[in-house]
């Protein structure tokens, strides 16, 4: 079970991350430039294409957004409570909050979702036995639906995480530093997230109005090209970031962030989804799909954007960099474990 996961899902991710690290060492690639390419071109194109052509129902779309918001805010309340009990300084607490609440849903989560739950995959196509998974490129996750598309679901997580990062996250970073919280709205409206979301939802509504409708080639083709480039460039960006900030961390605050992000995050998401399922809470009843994917991608490491915000707003940049670096490194082990647990549970226990 572990070998297929390592070779077919984490393997391609680690290869591209490693190539990014090598390029940083050899050519000194600029992280800020790569981040702008991801934020302003590739991620918006991916979100637009996946949302506009998504086969998810409107209720499922709303449920994914709502559960992501719920998870972020409940994590924030937990961290604030821990900070009050332990009397953690404001800058340190804000860095931990950013590291735990906002995860790498795009650069890391999208490739993971695409590889673990490829579009159109279903139970008959995926891993009839473990030996097949080691010799083919299909996902080793057992599916229960013929309409599973990890990328389409994760696109809504990315969208929500981006909006929350540059609103709630920006407010947290501003509170830690000396910047004015009034800059939040200016920064938000400079980013393409809200505009991309609006355009994608309008396009989806228009396409669903008539089965014969198609997006104009002038829009569809560039969006497709940019969307297809997100995964390799995003993973290379992660490698560039990792190669640029290796350090011996302050283990006490870093270990707290790592435990909450890599271990508690997916447990919390699973508990939220299971609770909403047990009480049949409308659009938030996402069990078993896409709950399976949402639990998995809730285990990904800290978002690089949290480091950029911390640097920009004069927060605890060293701690933020340590959280990004070590959560990404250790996620290779923890995500392997979560993939094994999730496969077993949704195959045998769901």
Protein backbone atom coordinates (compact mmCIF):
# COMPACT_ATOMS: atom_id res chain seq x y z
CA UNK A 1 0.00 0.00 0.00
CA UNK A 2 2.79 2.45 0.90
CA UNK A 3 4.91 1.88 -2.22
CA UNK A 4 2.13 2.84 -4.68
CA UNK A 5 1.51 6.00 -2.67
CA UNK A 6 5.19 6.93 -2.65
CA UNK A 7 5.76 6.21 -6.33
CA UNK A 8 2.50 7.37 -7.89
CA UNK A 9 1.46 10.33 -5.72
CA UNK A 10 4.30 11.71 -3.60
CA UNK A 11 7.02 10.65 -6.05
CA UNK A 12 6.11 13.11 -8.86
CA UNK A 13 5.61 15.87 -6.28
CA UNK A 14 9.02 15.31 -4.69
CA UNK A 15 10.79 15.13 -8.06
CA UNK A 16 9.49 18.56 -9.11
CA UNK A 17 10.17 20.06 -5.68
CA UNK A 18 13.72 18.69 -5.88
CA UNK A 19 14.23 20.18 -9.34
CA UNK A 20 13.10 23.56 -8.04
CA UNK A 21 15.60 23.35 -5.18
CA UNK A 22 18.40 22.47 -7.60
CA UNK A 23 17.53 25.39 -9.88
CA UNK A 24 17.55 27.76 -6.89
CA UNK A 25 20.99 26.53 -5.87
CA UNK A 26 22.43 26.76 -9.38
CA UNK A 27 20.78 29.89 -10.80
CA UNK A 28 19.45 31.77 -7.77
CA UNK A 29 15.85 31.85 -8.95
CA UNK A 30 13.76 34.65 -7.49
CA UNK A 31 10.99 33.39 -5.18
CA UNK A 32 9.01 36.62 -5.34
CA UNK A 33 8.78 36.47 -9.15
CA UNK A 34 7.69 32.84 -9.15
CA UNK A 35 5.10 33.59 -6.46
CA UNK A 36 3.64 36.40 -8.59
CA UNK A 37 3.43 34.07 -11.62
CA UNK A 38 1.54 31.57 -9.46
CA UNK A 39 -0.74 34.12 -7.77
CA UNK A 40 -1.55 36.34 -10.76
CA UNK A 41 -1.55 33.89 -13.70
CA UNK A 42 -1.50 30.16 -13.06
CA UNK A 43 -3.74 29.81 -10.00
CA UNK A 44 -6.46 32.16 -11.39
CA UNK A 45 -6.45 30.25 -14.69
CA UNK A 46 -6.72 26.92 -12.88
CA UNK A 47 -9.56 28.18 -10.68
CA UNK A 48 -11.41 29.67 -13.66
CA UNK A 49 -11.15 26.56 -15.79
CA UNK A 50 -12.10 24.08 -13.05
CA UNK A 51 -14.96 26.11 -11.65
CA UNK A 52 -16.46 27.12 -15.01
CA UNK A 53 -16.48 23.50 -16.25
CA UNK A 54 -17.15 21.83 -12.89
CA UNK A 55 -19.81 19.12 -12.70
CA UNK A 56 -20.27 19.68 -8.97
CA UNK A 57 -23.72 20.77 -7.89
CA UNK A 58 -24.18 24.32 -6.62
CA UNK A 59 -24.88 22.92 -3.14
CA UNK A 60 -21.63 20.93 -3.13
CA UNK A 61 -19.70 24.00 -4.25
CA UNK A 62 -21.21 26.03 -1.42
CA UNK A 63 -20.56 23.21 1.03
CA UNK A 64 -16.86 23.01 0.14
CA UNK A 65 -16.46 26.76 0.63
CA UNK A 66 -18.42 26.69 3.91
CA UNK A 67 -16.49 23.75 5.39
CA UNK A 68 -13.17 25.38 4.52
CA UNK A 69 -14.22 28.62 6.21
CA UNK A 70 -15.46 26.67 9.25
CA UNK A 71 -12.19 24.81 9.58
CA UNK A 72 -10.07 27.96 9.35
CA UNK A 73 -12.07 29.83 11.97
CA UNK A 74 -12.25 26.92 14.42
CA UNK A 75 -8.48 26.49 14.13
CA UNK A 76 -8.10 30.20 14.83
CA UNK A 77 -10.21 29.98 17.98
CA UNK A 78 -8.18 26.99 19.19
CA UNK A 79 -4.84 28.74 18.60
CA UNK A 80 -6.06 31.93 20.28
CA UNK A 81 -7.09 29.87 23.32
CA UNK A 82 -3.71 28.11 23.47
CA UNK A 83 -1.97 31.48 23.18
CA UNK A 84 -3.94 32.91 26.09
CA UNK A 85 -3.22 29.90 28.31
CA UNK A 86 0.51 29.78 27.49
CA UNK A 87 0.88 33.58 27.32
CA UNK A 88 2.60 33.50 23.95
CA UNK A 89 3.81 36.84 22.60
CA UNK A 90 1.70 38.53 19.93
CA UNK A 91 4.23 38.12 17.09
CA UNK A 92 4.87 34.47 17.87
CA UNK A 93 1.18 33.67 18.24
CA UNK A 94 0.34 35.38 14.94
CA UNK A 95 3.07 33.44 13.13
CA UNK A 96 1.75 30.15 14.55
CA UNK A 97 -1.84 31.09 13.67
CA UNK A 98 -0.90 31.87 10.06
CA UNK A 99 1.10 28.64 9.78
CA UNK A 100 -1.76 26.47 11.04
CA UNK A 101 -4.87 28.17 9.64
CA UNK A 102 -3.67 28.71 6.06
CA UNK A 103 -2.23 25.72 4.25
CA UNK A 104 -0.59 25.20 0.89
CA UNK A 105 -3.84 24.33 -0.87
CA UNK A 106 -2.56 25.44 -4.30
CA UNK A 107 1.16 24.70 -4.75
CA UNK A 108 0.97 21.42 -2.81
CA UNK A 109 -2.73 20.64 -2.42
CA UNK A 110 -3.68 20.90 -6.11
CA UNK A 111 -0.99 18.49 -7.35
CA UNK A 112 -1.84 16.11 -4.51
CA UNK A 113 -5.55 16.26 -5.36
CA UNK A 114 -4.91 15.79 -9.08
CA UNK A 115 -2.63 12.80 -8.54
CA UNK A 116 -4.63 11.12 -5.77
CA UNK A 117 -8.05 11.71 -7.37
CA UNK A 118 -7.62 12.18 -11.14
CA UNK A 119 -10.63 13.39 -13.12
CA UNK A 120 -12.92 10.59 -14.28
CA UNK A 121 -11.38 7.98 -12.01
CA UNK A 122 -13.67 5.46 -10.35
CA UNK A 123 -13.60 2.26 -8.38
CA UNK A 124 -13.33 0.01 -11.43
CA UNK A 125 -10.34 1.90 -12.77
CA UNK A 126 -8.38 2.27 -9.57
CA UNK A 127 -6.25 -0.32 -7.87
CA UNK A 128 -8.01 -3.64 -8.18
CA UNK A 129 -5.01 -4.93 -6.30
CA UNK A 130 -1.87 -3.41 -4.86
CA UNK A 131 0.41 -4.78 -7.54
CA UNK A 132 -1.56 -2.97 -10.26
CA UNK A 133 -1.02 0.32 -8.46
CA UNK A 134 2.75 -0.11 -8.52
CA UNK A 135 2.84 -0.65 -12.29
CA UNK A 136 0.27 1.88 -13.47
CA UNK A 137 -0.11 5.61 -12.99
CA UNK A 138 -3.66 5.53 -11.67
CA UNK A 139 -4.35 6.61 -8.12
CA UNK A 140 -4.11 4.09 -5.27
CA UNK A 141 -7.15 5.63 -3.57
CA UNK A 142 -10.33 3.58 -3.81
CA UNK A 143 -13.21 5.64 -5.22
CA UNK A 144 -16.94 5.23 -4.79
CA UNK A 145 -18.18 7.55 -7.48
CA UNK A 146 -17.75 7.85 -11.24
CA UNK A 147 -17.80 11.63 -10.99
CA UNK A 148 -14.83 12.30 -8.72
CA UNK A 149 -12.49 15.08 -9.76
CA UNK A 150 -9.95 16.04 -7.13
CA UNK A 151 -8.82 19.14 -9.03
CA UNK A 152 -12.35 20.54 -9.34
CA UNK A 153 -13.02 20.15 -5.62
CA UNK A 154 -9.62 21.47 -4.60
CA UNK A 155 -10.12 24.53 -6.83
CA UNK A 156 -12.84 25.70 -4.44
CA UNK A 157 -10.59 25.05 -1.45
CA UNK A 158 -7.84 27.10 -3.14
CA UNK A 159 -10.29 29.88 -3.89
CA UNK A 160 -11.55 30.01 -0.30
CA UNK A 161 -8.08 29.73 1.21
CA UNK A 162 -6.81 32.56 -1.02
CA UNK A 163 -9.66 34.87 -0.05
CA UNK A 164 -9.23 34.05 3.66
CA UNK A 165 -5.43 34.36 3.50
CA UNK A 166 -5.57 37.84 2.03
CA UNK A 167 -8.36 39.02 4.34
CA UNK A 168 -8.27 37.22 7.70
CA UNK A 169 -4.60 36.26 7.30
CA UNK A 170 -3.67 39.77 6.26
CA UNK A 171 -5.46 41.13 9.35
CA UNK A 172 -3.55 38.70 11.60
CA UNK A 173 -0.23 39.65 10.01
CA UNK A 174 -1.06 43.35 10.31
CA UNK A 175 -1.96 42.89 13.99
CA UNK A 176 1.45 41.29 14.60
CA UNK A 177 3.35 44.05 12.80
CA UNK A 178 3.07 47.76 12.46
CA UNK A 179 0.98 47.98 9.29
CA UNK A 180 -2.50 49.46 9.29
CA UNK A 181 -5.38 46.97 9.03
CA UNK A 182 -7.01 49.38 6.57
CA UNK A 183 -4.54 48.11 3.96
CA UNK A 184 -6.43 44.78 3.94
CA UNK A 185 -9.12 45.85 1.47
CA UNK A 186 -6.66 47.61 -0.83
CA UNK A 187 -4.53 44.47 -1.05
CA UNK A 188 -7.54 42.19 -1.53
CA UNK A 189 -8.91 44.13 -4.49
CA UNK A 190 -5.48 44.21 -6.13
CA UNK A 191 -5.46 40.39 -6.25
CA UNK A 192 -7.25 38.41 -8.98
CA UNK A 193 -9.07 36.04 -6.60
CA UNK A 194 -12.44 37.80 -6.38
CA UNK A 195 -12.50 38.69 -10.08
CA UNK A 196 -11.58 35.14 -11.11
CA UNK A 197 -14.27 33.67 -8.88
CA UNK A 198 -16.93 36.02 -10.29
CA UNK A 199 -15.95 35.34 -13.92
CA UNK A 200 -15.82 31.57 -13.36
CA UNK A 201 -19.24 31.42 -11.70
CA UNK A 202 -20.79 33.52 -14.48
CA UNK A 203 -19.16 31.30 -17.12
CA UNK A 204 -20.41 28.16 -15.37
CA UNK A 205 -23.96 29.54 -15.19
CA UNK A 206 -23.83 30.45 -18.91
CA UNK A 207 -22.41 27.08 -20.01
CA UNK A 208 -25.03 25.15 -18.03
CA UNK A 209 -27.81 27.15 -19.69
CA UNK A 210 -27.36 25.26 -22.97
CA UNK A 211 -25.39 22.05 -23.58
CA UNK A 212 -24.25 23.34 -27.00
CA UNK A 213 -22.48 26.37 -25.52
CA UNK A 214 -18.70 26.53 -25.33
CA UNK A 215 -16.28 29.13 -24.12
CA UNK A 216 -14.64 31.21 -26.89
CA UNK A 217 -11.34 29.71 -28.02
CA UNK A 218 -9.60 33.01 -27.21
CA UNK A 219 -10.53 32.44 -23.54
CA UNK A 220 -10.58 28.66 -23.32
CA UNK A 221 -7.16 27.92 -24.84
CA UNK A 222 -5.07 30.41 -22.82
CA UNK A 223 -6.90 29.29 -19.66
CA UNK A 224 -6.13 25.66 -20.52
CA UNK A 225 -2.45 26.34 -21.21
CA UNK A 226 -1.98 28.33 -18.01
CA UNK A 227 -4.01 25.85 -15.96
CA UNK A 228 -1.89 22.94 -17.18
CA UNK A 229 1.24 24.83 -16.16
CA UNK A 230 0.19 25.37 -12.57
CA UNK A 231 1.22 22.03 -11.09
CA UNK A 232 4.85 21.91 -12.35
CA UNK A 233 5.52 25.60 -11.74
CA UNK A 234 3.84 25.54 -8.32
CA UNK A 235 5.92 22.57 -7.17
CA UNK A 236 9.11 24.10 -8.55
CA UNK A 237 8.22 27.24 -6.55
CA UNK A 238 7.97 25.14 -3.39
CA UNK A 239 11.44 23.71 -4.11
CA UNK A 240 12.86 27.19 -4.66
CA UNK A 241 11.39 28.32 -1.34
CA UNK A 242 12.75 25.30 0.54
CA UNK A 243 16.25 25.74 -0.86
CA UNK A 244 16.30 29.37 0.21
CA UNK A 245 15.44 29.09 3.90
CA UNK A 246 17.05 26.09 5.64
CA UNK A 247 17.73 26.95 9.32
CA UNK A 248 17.80 25.39 12.77
CA UNK A 249 14.41 26.44 14.12
CA UNK A 250 13.01 27.51 17.49
CA UNK A 251 11.57 24.09 18.09
CA UNK A 252 9.04 24.96 20.79
CA UNK A 253 6.76 27.22 18.69
CA UNK A 254 7.59 25.38 15.45
CA UNK A 255 6.67 21.98 16.91
CA UNK A 256 3.33 23.39 18.07
CA UNK A 257 2.60 24.63 14.56
CA UNK A 258 3.70 21.33 13.01
CA UNK A 259 1.50 19.18 15.25
CA UNK A 260 -1.55 21.39 14.69
CA UNK A 261 -1.02 21.73 10.93
CA UNK A 262 0.10 18.24 9.89
CA UNK A 263 -1.65 16.03 12.45
CA UNK A 264 -4.54 17.89 14.04
CA UNK A 265 -5.66 19.68 10.84
CA UNK A 266 -6.94 16.58 9.02
CA UNK A 267 -8.38 15.11 12.24
CA UNK A 268 -10.30 18.32 12.82
CA UNK A 269 -11.56 18.34 9.21
CA UNK A 270 -12.67 14.71 9.53
CA UNK A 271 -14.53 15.43 12.77
CA UNK A 272 -16.29 18.45 11.26
CA UNK A 273 -17.35 16.52 8.15
CA UNK A 274 -18.46 13.46 10.13
CA UNK A 275 -20.48 15.63 12.55
CA UNK A 276 -22.24 17.48 9.72
CA UNK A 277 -22.95 14.12 8.07
CA UNK A 278 -24.39 12.60 11.23
CA UNK A 279 -26.74 15.55 11.67
CA UNK A 280 -27.49 15.81 7.91
CA UNK A 281 -26.57 19.49 7.78
CA UNK A 282 -27.65 20.32 4.22
CA UNK A 283 -24.85 21.41 1.92
CA UNK A 284 -22.26 20.64 4.62
CA UNK A 285 -23.07 16.92 4.44
CA UNK A 286 -20.17 16.04 2.11
CA UNK A 287 -19.58 12.47 3.32
CA UNK A 288 -18.05 10.31 1.84
CA UNK A 289 -17.19 12.43 -1.22
CA UNK A 290 -15.66 14.99 -1.34
CA UNK A 291 -14.95 14.48 2.38
CA UNK A 292 -12.27 11.96 1.44
CA UNK A 293 -10.32 14.56 -0.51
CA UNK A 294 -10.94 17.41 1.94
CA UNK A 295 -9.48 15.38 4.81
CA UNK A 296 -6.41 14.54 2.74
CA UNK A 297 -5.68 18.08 1.57
CA UNK A 298 -6.24 19.42 5.10
CA UNK A 299 -2.97 17.65 5.94
CA UNK A 300 -0.77 19.65 3.56
CA UNK A 301 1.94 21.99 4.87
CA UNK A 302 1.85 25.71 5.61
CA UNK A 303 1.21 28.09 2.70
CA UNK A 304 4.16 30.06 1.30
CA UNK A 305 1.88 33.13 1.17
CA UNK A 306 1.89 33.28 4.98
CA UNK A 307 5.62 33.89 4.88
CA UNK A 308 5.22 36.60 2.23
CA UNK A 309 2.54 38.33 4.33
CA UNK A 310 4.66 38.12 7.47
CA UNK A 311 7.67 39.64 5.72
CA UNK A 312 5.56 42.37 4.12
CA UNK A 313 3.88 43.38 7.39
CA UNK A 314 6.90 43.15 9.71
CA UNK A 315 5.94 40.02 11.63
CA UNK A 316 8.06 37.13 12.96
CA UNK A 317 9.53 36.24 9.56
CA UNK A 318 12.07 33.72 10.90
CA UNK A 319 9.39 31.68 12.65
CA UNK A 320 7.11 31.89 9.61
CA UNK A 321 9.92 30.65 7.33
CA UNK A 322 10.71 27.80 9.74
CA UNK A 323 7.05 26.70 9.77
CA UNK A 324 6.87 26.68 5.96
CA UNK A 325 10.17 24.85 5.58
CA UNK A 326 9.77 22.15 8.22
CA UNK A 327 6.07 21.51 7.59
CA UNK A 328 6.85 20.94 3.90
CA UNK A 329 9.77 18.61 4.67
CA UNK A 330 7.92 16.56 7.30
CA UNK A 331 4.72 16.42 5.23
CA UNK A 332 6.39 13.78 3.07
CA UNK A 333 6.06 11.42 6.02
CA UNK A 334 2.74 12.59 7.42
CA UNK A 335 0.89 12.70 4.09
CA UNK A 336 2.06 9.16 3.33
CA UNK A 337 0.53 8.10 6.62
CA UNK A 338 -2.70 9.97 5.98
CA UNK A 339 -3.04 8.45 2.51
CA UNK A 340 -2.74 4.97 4.00
CA UNK A 341 -5.28 5.73 6.75
CA UNK A 342 -7.74 7.40 4.36
CA UNK A 343 -7.51 4.58 1.83
CA UNK A 344 -8.14 1.96 4.49
CA UNK A 345 -10.96 3.85 6.17
CA UNK A 346 -12.96 4.78 3.07
CA UNK A 347 -12.45 1.32 1.60
CA UNK A 348 -13.38 -0.64 4.73
CA UNK A 349 -14.98 1.65 7.28
CA UNK A 350 -17.00 4.26 5.41
